[in-house]
Amino acid sequence: MEELCAEWGDDARMNALFAPLRNKNVNPESWHSKIQFWLNIIEKWSEHHTVLIFDIGLLKKIFSRKGKSVQCLEDVIKEGVSTGRFASSDGHLQGLDSAHQSWGTWMLGLGTGAVKSVGSKLIGSSNPGTFTVIKTLNCTKENVLSDLLLEENYIECRHDVIIREEQVKRVLKSIQDEKSRDYLLQVLLADRKLVKFSTNNKNFYKIIHNSKNKQFDEIDQGLVRLKLSIQHLGDKIKDQEEKQEKEKENVKKWLKEGKRNSAKTCLKRLKRLEGSLSKLMDQQASLEHLFLELQSAENNKILMEAYETGLATMKTMVSPEMLEKSENTMFELAELIDVNKEISESLATQQVESENESLDEELENLIKDMEKETEKIKKPADDKSTEDVRTPDCNIDAALSQLDALNLDDLDPLIPTKIARKEAEIMPS
């Protein structure tokens, strides 16, 4: 139990949870907390062990601790049923079955249920009944249905899966609790997920999965009986062949022993067996041919239904008026495309003209700039000093010879006359 409840080893906590419930009005939060604890742990236990049906006695046995049992399970179950987390096992079956009944059958069931309710109130009942956890039940139901759909279909040509009783029992064996297995089968039948059919002391189940046909109809019954007849003939043929081989051995045996009359008698029986075997094989071939024809008819029926569905859909989508509308639409669309093309060409022409004008103006500006640059660069040819200064590759020897020929007298400083007059005034006479 520790794997389902981490608090199971806490004595103080569990003693409080095992005690009877106090008045809800005194401490509503404590009351709800205690109820939710037991609802959650019962759900976990049911899911972990796949227990689909239980009573209060089983719960007291499962959740006993150190010789103590839970004192508030009746209130927990009552709250679980009222909130929809739990349900009475019989009540849940009746609810599933009534959902698939006709109006008259429902009224009859309603009256029967009222009589049962009044009777139980008058007589009284000490057994509160059994219950189920809705979440665990629905999850297990879907898993089992998925496994059943993987089983080999007894009638290959049918869209719905038809399986034998042995296959259903083999799948349900995954549930360890026997009562839960039986209850789940009842739930599947009440919910019309499985439909049962019996013939020749054999039970078959039809799995209803996303299908409108929720009955074992005449076609299903006919195909099942026909296949059973083919299998029965196959068993007879096998038995006849074994007898025939045995008589052949007897004929050889009597001939070896020299008992011709006994061998002759066995040979007569052998001939009769051969005649009977030939008839059985002819009958089997006829039934197999009929079965194949029914399979073909079933496929044709499915195809016809598909064609009819497609035709009805096409009629709702397509009408003769759409032809005229489509022609008008295409004509208007072509006109609009031509207008849009002309608009695009007009806009493109104006844009090219504007671009050409801007390009011409830019070229004129470039020409003017080039002429200005040319005038700045161009200098007079007789300006030698400037030419010498601007020419970086002048002759060094020529420059030295010019320096040697330079007259140094010309470099004496010139004193202005004003300075000479000042000196004359300062000197004494």
Protein backbone atom coordinates (compact mmCIF):
# COMPACT_ATOMS: atom_id res chain seq x y z
CA MET A 1 0.00 0.00 0.00
CA GLU A 2 3.03 2.27 0.50
CA GLU A 3 3.46 2.48 -3.28
CA LEU A 4 -0.01 4.05 -3.52
CA CYS A 5 0.18 6.27 -0.44
CA ALA A 6 3.40 7.83 0.87
CA GLU A 7 1.68 8.66 4.19
CA TRP A 8 0.70 5.05 4.94
CA GLY A 9 3.56 4.65 7.45
CA ASP A 10 2.68 7.80 9.40
CA ASP A 11 0.72 6.52 12.43
CA ALA A 12 -0.58 9.89 13.58
CA ARG A 13 -1.74 10.89 10.14
CA MET A 14 -3.37 7.52 9.37
CA ASN A 15 -5.11 7.33 12.76
CA ALA A 16 -6.80 10.62 11.96
CA LEU A 17 -7.78 9.45 8.48
CA PHE A 18 -9.12 6.10 9.75
CA ALA A 19 -11.37 7.78 12.31
CA PRO A 20 -15.05 8.47 11.57
CA LEU A 21 -15.96 11.73 9.88
CA ARG A 22 -17.00 14.64 12.04
CA ASN A 23 -19.85 16.99 11.30
CA LYS A 24 -19.30 18.64 7.94
CA ASN A 25 -20.62 21.99 9.15
CA VAL A 26 -18.09 22.18 12.00
CA ASN A 27 -14.98 21.99 9.80
CA PRO A 28 -15.84 21.77 6.07
CA GLU A 29 -12.19 21.96 4.91
CA SER A 30 -11.12 19.02 7.08
CA TRP A 31 -14.16 17.01 5.96
CA HIS A 32 -13.47 17.59 2.25
CA SER A 33 -9.75 16.89 2.68
CA LYS A 34 -10.42 13.53 4.30
CA ILE A 35 -13.01 12.55 1.70
CA GLN A 36 -10.69 13.49 -1.17
CA PHE A 37 -7.85 11.45 0.33
CA TRP A 38 -9.88 8.25 0.33
CA LEU A 39 -11.43 8.92 -3.08
CA ASN A 40 -7.98 9.38 -4.61
CA ILE A 41 -6.45 6.32 -2.99
CA ILE A 42 -9.39 4.09 -3.99
CA GLU A 43 -9.03 5.29 -7.60
CA LYS A 44 -5.29 4.58 -7.56
CA TRP A 45 -5.85 1.10 -6.11
CA SER A 46 -8.55 0.31 -8.67
CA GLU A 47 -6.35 1.45 -11.56
CA HIS A 48 -3.20 -0.28 -10.29
CA HIS A 49 -4.86 -3.69 -9.82
CA THR A 50 -7.53 -3.28 -12.57
CA VAL A 51 -10.35 -3.92 -10.13
CA LEU A 52 -13.55 -2.80 -11.82
CA ILE A 53 -16.14 -3.91 -9.27
CA PHE A 54 -15.94 -3.87 -5.47
CA ASP A 55 -18.01 -3.48 -2.33
CA ILE A 56 -17.41 -1.81 1.00
CA GLY A 57 -16.41 -5.11 2.62
CA LEU A 58 -13.59 -5.56 0.11
CA LEU A 59 -12.40 -1.99 0.65
CA LYS A 60 -12.30 -2.46 4.43
CA LYS A 61 -10.20 -5.59 3.92
CA ILE A 62 -7.84 -3.95 1.42
CA PHE A 63 -7.30 -0.75 3.41
CA SER A 64 -6.96 -2.32 6.86
CA ARG A 65 -3.92 -1.23 8.85
CA LYS A 66 -2.59 -2.74 12.07
CA GLY A 67 -5.91 -4.43 12.73
CA LYS A 68 -7.91 -1.26 12.09
CA SER A 69 -10.31 -0.55 9.23
CA VAL A 70 -11.49 2.72 7.77
CA GLN A 71 -14.56 4.00 9.63
CA CYS A 72 -15.76 6.46 6.99
CA LEU A 73 -15.91 4.33 3.82
CA GLU A 74 -19.71 4.56 3.57
CA ASP A 75 -19.52 8.35 3.46
CA VAL A 76 -16.63 8.20 0.97
CA ILE A 77 -18.57 5.93 -1.39
CA LYS A 78 -21.66 8.11 -1.09
CA GLU A 79 -19.66 11.23 -1.96
CA GLY A 80 -17.93 9.44 -4.85
CA VAL A 81 -21.26 8.40 -6.35
CA SER A 82 -22.76 11.86 -5.93
CA THR A 83 -19.77 13.50 -7.68
CA GLY A 84 -19.74 10.96 -10.54
CA ARG A 85 -16.33 9.47 -9.75
CA PHE A 86 -17.93 6.22 -8.58
CA ALA A 87 -21.13 4.52 -9.71
CA SER A 88 -23.29 1.65 -8.64
CA SER A 89 -22.32 -1.31 -10.83
CA ASP A 90 -25.94 -2.25 -11.62
CA GLY A 91 -26.99 1.37 -12.07
CA HIS A 92 -24.16 2.00 -14.52
CA LEU A 93 -25.18 -1.03 -16.59
CA GLN A 94 -28.79 0.14 -16.68
CA GLY A 95 -27.74 3.61 -17.74
CA LEU A 96 -25.65 2.25 -20.62
CA ASP A 97 -28.41 -0.08 -21.76
CA SER A 98 -31.14 2.56 -21.62
CA ALA A 99 -29.12 4.87 -23.86
CA HIS A 100 -29.58 2.38 -26.73
CA GLN A 101 -33.24 1.50 -26.13
CA SER A 102 -36.27 2.72 -28.02
CA TRP A 103 -38.90 5.00 -26.47
CA GLY A 104 -41.31 2.20 -25.63
CA THR A 105 -38.61 0.00 -24.16
CA TRP A 106 -37.31 2.92 -22.12
CA MET A 107 -40.77 3.60 -20.66
CA LEU A 108 -41.15 -0.07 -19.78
CA GLY A 109 -37.74 -0.05 -18.08
CA LEU A 110 -38.62 3.13 -16.24
CA GLY A 111 -41.75 1.51 -14.81
CA THR A 112 -39.85 -1.63 -13.84
CA GLY A 113 -37.18 0.45 -12.15
CA ALA A 114 -39.78 2.36 -10.17
CA VAL A 115 -41.35 -0.88 -8.93
CA LYS A 116 -37.93 -2.18 -7.88
CA SER A 117 -37.16 1.08 -6.08
CA VAL A 118 -40.44 1.02 -4.13
CA GLY A 119 -39.91 -2.63 -3.24
CA SER A 120 -36.42 -2.01 -1.92
CA LYS A 121 -37.68 0.86 0.24
CA LEU A 122 -40.52 -1.25 1.69
CA ILE A 123 -38.50 -4.41 2.29
CA GLY A 124 -35.19 -2.77 3.07
CA SER A 125 -31.73 -3.97 2.14
CA SER A 126 -28.67 -4.59 4.30
CA ASN A 127 -26.39 -5.01 1.27
CA PRO A 128 -25.52 -1.65 -0.26
CA GLY A 129 -24.35 -3.39 -3.43
CA THR A 130 -21.23 -3.12 -5.52
CA PHE A 131 -19.57 -0.11 -7.10
CA THR A 132 -17.15 0.76 -9.87
CA VAL A 133 -14.63 3.54 -10.50
CA ILE A 134 -15.74 5.28 -13.70
CA LYS A 135 -12.26 6.46 -14.73
CA THR A 136 -10.70 3.01 -14.39
CA LEU A 137 -13.65 1.34 -16.08
CA ASN A 138 -13.59 3.60 -19.14
CA CYS A 139 -9.81 3.33 -19.55
CA THR A 140 -9.87 -0.48 -19.29
CA LYS A 141 -12.81 -0.67 -21.70
CA GLU A 142 -10.93 1.27 -24.39
CA ASN A 143 -7.80 -0.84 -23.96
CA VAL A 144 -9.72 -4.11 -24.24
CA LEU A 145 -11.59 -2.89 -27.32
CA SER A 146 -8.29 -2.01 -28.98
CA ASP A 147 -6.97 -5.51 -28.27
CA LEU A 148 -10.15 -7.14 -29.57
CA LEU A 149 -9.89 -5.24 -32.85
CA LEU A 150 -6.46 -6.81 -33.39
CA GLU A 151 -7.91 -10.32 -33.24
CA GLU A 152 -8.41 -12.30 -36.44
CA ASN A 153 -11.76 -11.59 -38.05
CA TYR A 154 -13.90 -14.70 -38.34
CA ILE A 155 -15.66 -13.31 -41.42
CA GLU A 156 -12.96 -11.67 -43.54
CA CYS A 157 -15.30 -9.92 -45.96
CA ARG A 158 -17.22 -7.98 -43.32
CA HIS A 159 -16.28 -4.42 -42.43
CA ASP A 160 -17.16 -5.04 -38.78
CA VAL A 161 -14.98 -7.47 -36.85
CA ILE A 162 -16.68 -10.73 -35.83
CA ILE A 163 -14.73 -12.93 -33.41
CA ARG A 164 -15.29 -16.14 -31.51
CA GLU A 165 -15.99 -16.42 -27.79
CA GLU A 166 -12.57 -18.00 -27.23
CA GLN A 167 -10.89 -14.89 -28.58
CA VAL A 168 -12.85 -12.62 -26.24
CA LYS A 169 -11.96 -14.74 -23.22
CA ARG A 170 -8.30 -14.75 -24.19
CA VAL A 171 -8.19 -10.93 -24.33
CA LEU A 172 -10.09 -10.54 -21.06
CA LYS A 173 -7.59 -12.78 -19.29
CA SER A 174 -5.30 -9.76 -19.07
CA ILE A 175 -7.57 -8.71 -16.14
CA GLN A 176 -6.65 -10.84 -13.14
CA ASP A 177 -9.81 -10.29 -11.12
CA GLU A 178 -12.48 -12.69 -12.39
CA LYS A 179 -15.42 -10.57 -11.23
CA SER A 180 -13.93 -7.57 -13.02
CA ARG A 181 -13.61 -9.61 -16.25
CA ASP A 182 -17.25 -10.65 -16.10
CA TYR A 183 -18.39 -7.12 -15.28
CA LEU A 184 -16.40 -5.58 -18.13
CA LEU A 185 -17.99 -8.01 -20.59
CA GLN A 186 -21.42 -6.95 -19.32
CA VAL A 187 -20.46 -3.29 -19.73
CA LEU A 188 -19.29 -3.85 -23.33
CA LEU A 189 -22.55 -5.61 -24.17
CA ALA A 190 -24.73 -2.99 -22.43
CA ASP A 191 -22.85 -0.17 -24.19
CA ARG A 192 -23.29 -1.94 -27.56
CA LYS A 193 -19.55 -2.12 -28.08
CA LEU A 194 -20.01 -5.87 -28.40
CA VAL A 195 -23.04 -7.69 -29.79
CA LYS A 196 -23.48 -11.37 -29.00
CA PHE A 197 -24.86 -14.02 -31.37
CA SER A 198 -25.29 -17.75 -30.66
CA THR A 199 -25.75 -20.54 -33.20
CA ASN A 200 -25.03 -24.28 -33.11
CA ASN A 201 -24.01 -23.99 -29.44
CA LYS A 202 -21.29 -21.49 -30.33
CA ASN A 203 -21.09 -17.86 -29.28
CA PHE A 204 -19.80 -15.07 -31.50
CA TYR A 205 -19.26 -11.38 -30.82
CA LYS A 206 -19.43 -8.49 -33.22
CA ILE A 207 -17.22 -5.53 -32.33
CA ILE A 208 -19.03 -2.26 -32.96
CA HIS A 209 -16.37 0.34 -33.69
CA ASN A 210 -17.46 3.56 -35.38
CA SER A 211 -20.30 1.75 -37.10
CA LYS A 212 -23.97 2.58 -37.47
CA ASN A 213 -25.00 -1.09 -37.60
CA LYS A 214 -25.10 -2.01 -33.91
CA GLN A 215 -26.84 -5.35 -34.36
CA PHE A 216 -25.97 -8.83 -35.49
CA ASP A 217 -28.00 -8.51 -38.68
CA GLU A 218 -29.21 -11.26 -41.03
CA ILE A 219 -26.15 -10.94 -43.26
CA ASP A 220 -23.85 -11.47 -40.30
CA GLN A 221 -25.85 -14.46 -39.10
CA GLY A 222 -25.99 -15.99 -42.57
CA LEU A 223 -22.25 -15.64 -43.13
CA VAL A 224 -21.43 -17.09 -39.71
CA ARG A 225 -23.74 -20.10 -40.23
CA LEU A 226 -22.37 -20.65 -43.72
CA LYS A 227 -18.77 -20.62 -42.52
CA LEU A 228 -19.65 -22.97 -39.65
CA SER A 229 -21.22 -25.35 -42.21
CA ILE A 230 -18.08 -25.21 -44.35
CA GLN A 231 -15.93 -25.98 -41.31
CA HIS A 232 -18.28 -28.79 -40.28
CA LEU A 233 -18.01 -30.34 -43.75
CA GLY A 234 -14.25 -29.95 -43.57
CA ASP A 235 -14.19 -31.93 -40.31
CA LYS A 236 -16.38 -34.64 -41.85
CA ILE A 237 -14.17 -34.86 -44.91
CA LYS A 238 -11.11 -35.23 -42.72
CA ASP A 239 -12.82 -38.00 -40.74
CA GLN A 240 -13.87 -39.79 -43.94
CA GLU A 241 -10.34 -39.59 -45.30
CA GLU A 242 -8.99 -41.16 -42.11
CA LYS A 243 -11.54 -43.98 -42.34
CA GLN A 244 -10.68 -44.47 -45.99
CA GLU A 245 -6.99 -44.84 -45.23
CA LYS A 246 -7.81 -47.28 -42.46
CA GLU A 247 -9.91 -49.46 -44.82
CA LYS A 248 -7.09 -49.48 -47.37
CA GLU A 249 -4.75 -50.81 -44.70
CA ASN A 250 -7.31 -53.47 -43.78
CA VAL A 251 -7.66 -54.58 -47.42
CA LYS A 252 -3.88 -55.02 -47.67
CA LYS A 253 -3.81 -56.82 -44.37
CA TRP A 254 -6.51 -59.39 -45.34
CA LEU A 255 -4.90 -59.97 -48.69
CA LYS A 256 -1.57 -60.75 -47.04
CA GLU A 257 -3.29 -63.22 -44.76
CA GLY A 258 -5.13 -64.77 -47.69
CA LYS A 259 -8.60 -63.85 -46.47
CA ARG A 260 -10.11 -62.71 -49.71
CA ASN A 261 -13.70 -62.46 -48.47
CA SER A 262 -12.69 -60.15 -45.61
CA ALA A 263 -10.62 -58.12 -48.04
CA LYS A 264 -13.58 -57.95 -50.42
CA THR A 265 -15.87 -56.74 -47.64
CA CYS A 266 -13.37 -54.00 -46.67
CA LEU A 267 -13.08 -53.04 -50.32
CA LYS A 268 -16.85 -52.56 -50.55
CA ARG A 269 -16.77 -50.30 -47.48
CA LEU A 270 -13.89 -48.43 -49.08
CA LYS A 271 -15.93 -47.81 -52.22
CA ARG A 272 -18.87 -46.52 -50.19
CA LEU A 273 -16.54 -44.21 -48.25
CA GLU A 274 -15.10 -42.91 -51.51
CA GLY A 275 -18.62 -42.16 -52.81
CA SER A 276 -19.59 -40.41 -49.58
CA LEU A 277 -16.33 -38.46 -49.57
CA SER A 278 -16.93 -37.31 -53.14
CA LYS A 279 -20.39 -36.01 -52.23
CA LEU A 280 -19.06 -34.20 -49.16
CA MET A 281 -16.33 -32.53 -51.21
CA ASP A 282 -18.90 -31.44 -53.81
CA GLN A 283 -21.06 -29.95 -51.07
CA GLN A 284 -18.08 -28.18 -49.57
CA ALA A 285 -17.13 -26.76 -52.96
CA SER A 286 -20.68 -25.49 -53.48
CA LEU A 287 -20.76 -23.80 -50.06
CA GLU A 288 -17.33 -22.25 -50.59
CA HIS A 289 -18.48 -20.91 -53.96
CA LEU A 290 -21.59 -19.46 -52.33
CA PHE A 291 -19.45 -17.93 -49.57
CA LEU A 292 -17.19 -16.29 -52.14
CA GLU A 293 -20.22 -14.92 -53.97
CA LEU A 294 -21.53 -13.45 -50.74
CA GLN A 295 -18.14 -11.87 -50.13
CA SER A 296 -18.24 -10.36 -53.60
CA ALA A 297 -21.80 -9.13 -53.02
CA GLU A 298 -20.70 -7.53 -49.75
CA ASN A 299 -17.83 -5.76 -51.49
CA ASN A 300 -20.19 -4.58 -54.23
CA LYS A 301 -22.57 -3.28 -51.60
CA ILE A 302 -19.79 -1.31 -49.93
CA LEU A 303 -18.73 0.11 -53.29
CA MET A 304 -22.30 1.07 -54.18
CA GLU A 305 -22.71 2.84 -50.84
CA ALA A 306 -19.47 4.70 -51.49
CA TYR A 307 -20.63 5.71 -54.99
CA GLU A 308 -23.99 6.86 -53.65
CA THR A 309 -22.30 8.92 -50.97
CA GLY A 310 -19.99 10.48 -53.53
CA LEU A 311 -22.89 11.20 -55.89
CA ALA A 312 -24.94 12.84 -53.14
CA THR A 313 -21.96 14.96 -52.15
CA MET A 314 -21.32 15.94 -55.76
CA LYS A 315 -24.95 16.98 -56.22
CA THR A 316 -24.71 19.33 -53.28
CA MET A 317 -21.49 20.84 -54.60
CA VAL A 318 -22.12 20.97 -58.37
CA SER A 319 -25.20 22.23 -60.29
CA PRO A 320 -25.89 23.16 -63.95
CA GLU A 321 -26.02 26.82 -62.96
CA MET A 322 -22.37 26.65 -62.01
CA LEU A 323 -21.40 26.23 -65.70
CA GLU A 324 -22.84 29.61 -66.70
CA LYS A 325 -21.43 31.21 -63.55
CA SER A 326 -17.98 29.76 -64.25
CA GLU A 327 -18.02 31.06 -67.85
CA ASN A 328 -19.02 34.56 -66.73
CA THR A 329 -16.42 34.48 -64.01
CA MET A 330 -13.65 33.47 -66.40
CA PHE A 331 -14.70 36.13 -68.95
CA GLU A 332 -14.68 38.88 -66.30
CA LEU A 333 -11.39 37.59 -64.96
CA ALA A 334 -9.81 37.75 -68.45
CA GLU A 335 -11.01 41.33 -68.92
CA LEU A 336 -9.60 42.39 -65.57
CA ILE A 337 -6.29 40.73 -66.37
CA ASP A 338 -6.06 42.71 -69.67
CA VAL A 339 -6.89 45.98 -67.92
CA ASN A 340 -4.30 45.29 -65.24
CA LYS A 341 -1.72 44.52 -67.93
CA GLU A 342 -2.37 47.84 -69.70
CA ILE A 343 -2.09 49.71 -66.39
CA SER A 344 1.22 48.00 -65.68
CA GLU A 345 2.58 48.90 -69.14
CA SER A 346 1.49 52.54 -68.77
CA LEU A 347 3.14 52.87 -65.40
CA ALA A 348 6.29 51.23 -66.71
CA THR A 349 6.49 53.69 -69.68
CA GLN A 350 6.12 56.75 -67.47
CA GLN A 351 8.73 55.42 -65.13
CA VAL A 352 11.23 54.85 -68.01
CA GLU A 353 10.71 58.41 -69.33
CA SER A 354 11.24 59.86 -65.88
CA GLU A 355 14.41 57.80 -65.45
CA ASN A 356 15.76 58.95 -68.86
CA GLU A 357 15.24 62.63 -67.99
CA SER A 358 17.04 62.26 -64.68
CA LEU A 359 19.90 60.42 -66.37
CA ASP A 360 20.34 63.20 -69.02
CA GLU A 361 20.43 65.86 -66.32
CA GLU A 362 23.01 63.93 -64.34
CA LEU A 363 25.21 63.53 -67.44
CA GLU A 364 25.15 67.30 -68.08
CA ASN A 365 26.27 67.98 -64.53
CA LEU A 366 29.11 65.51 -64.85
CA ILE A 367 30.31 67.18 -68.10
CA LYS A 368 30.36 70.61 -66.42
CA ASP A 369 32.34 69.25 -63.46
CA MET A 370 34.87 67.69 -65.80
CA GLU A 371 35.38 71.00 -67.67
CA LYS A 372 35.99 72.87 -64.40
CA GLU A 373 38.60 70.34 -63.35
CA THR A 374 40.33 70.68 -66.71
CA GLU A 375 40.57 74.50 -66.38
CA LYS A 376 42.08 74.24 -62.90
CA ILE A 377 44.76 71.82 -64.03
CA LYS A 378 45.71 73.83 -67.18
CA LYS A 379 48.53 76.50 -66.49
CA PRO A 380 50.50 79.00 -68.74
CA ALA A 381 53.50 77.42 -70.44
CA ASP A 382 55.95 80.41 -69.67
CA ASP A 383 55.57 80.16 -65.87
CA LYS A 384 58.96 78.48 -65.25
CA SER A 385 59.21 79.15 -61.49
CA THR A 386 55.90 77.51 -60.94
CA GLU A 387 56.86 74.78 -63.28
CA ASP A 388 60.08 74.24 -61.38
CA VAL A 389 58.32 74.16 -58.06
CA ARG A 390 55.59 71.77 -59.28
CA THR A 391 58.10 69.55 -61.02
CA PRO A 392 59.43 67.07 -58.56
CA ASP A 393 61.94 65.59 -61.02
CA CYS A 394 64.12 68.72 -61.62
CA ASN A 395 67.84 68.43 -62.49
CA ILE A 396 70.07 68.67 -59.36
CA ASP A 397 73.22 69.62 -61.32
CA ALA A 398 71.49 72.55 -62.97
CA ALA A 399 70.33 73.78 -59.57
CA LEU A 400 73.91 73.64 -58.18
CA SER A 401 75.36 75.58 -61.12
CA GLN A 402 72.78 78.31 -60.59
CA LEU A 403 73.76 78.55 -56.92
CA ASP A 404 77.45 78.98 -57.85
CA ALA A 405 76.63 81.81 -60.24
CA LEU A 406 74.65 83.62 -57.56
CA ASN A 407 76.08 87.11 -56.59
CA LEU A 408 76.55 87.22 -52.85
CA ASP A 409 76.71 91.06 -52.77
CA ASP A 410 73.13 91.21 -53.55
CA LEU A 411 72.47 89.39 -50.31
CA ASP A 412 73.78 92.23 -48.01
CA PRO A 413 71.00 93.62 -45.82
CA LEU A 414 69.50 96.95 -46.77
CA ILE A 415 69.10 99.45 -43.89
CA PRO A 416 66.30 101.91 -44.28
CA THR A 417 67.13 105.68 -44.26
CA LYS A 418 64.97 106.29 -41.22
CA ILE A 419 67.30 104.25 -39.09
CA ALA A 420 70.35 106.28 -40.31
CA ARG A 421 68.70 109.58 -39.35
CA LYS A 422 68.02 108.34 -35.87
CA GLU A 423 71.66 107.45 -35.37
CA ALA A 424 72.75 110.93 -36.53
CA GLU A 425 70.45 112.60 -34.03
CA ILE A 426 71.73 110.53 -31.14
CA MET A 427 75.43 111.24 -31.76
CA PRO A 428 76.71 114.50 -30.14
CA SER A 429 77.74 117.30 -32.31
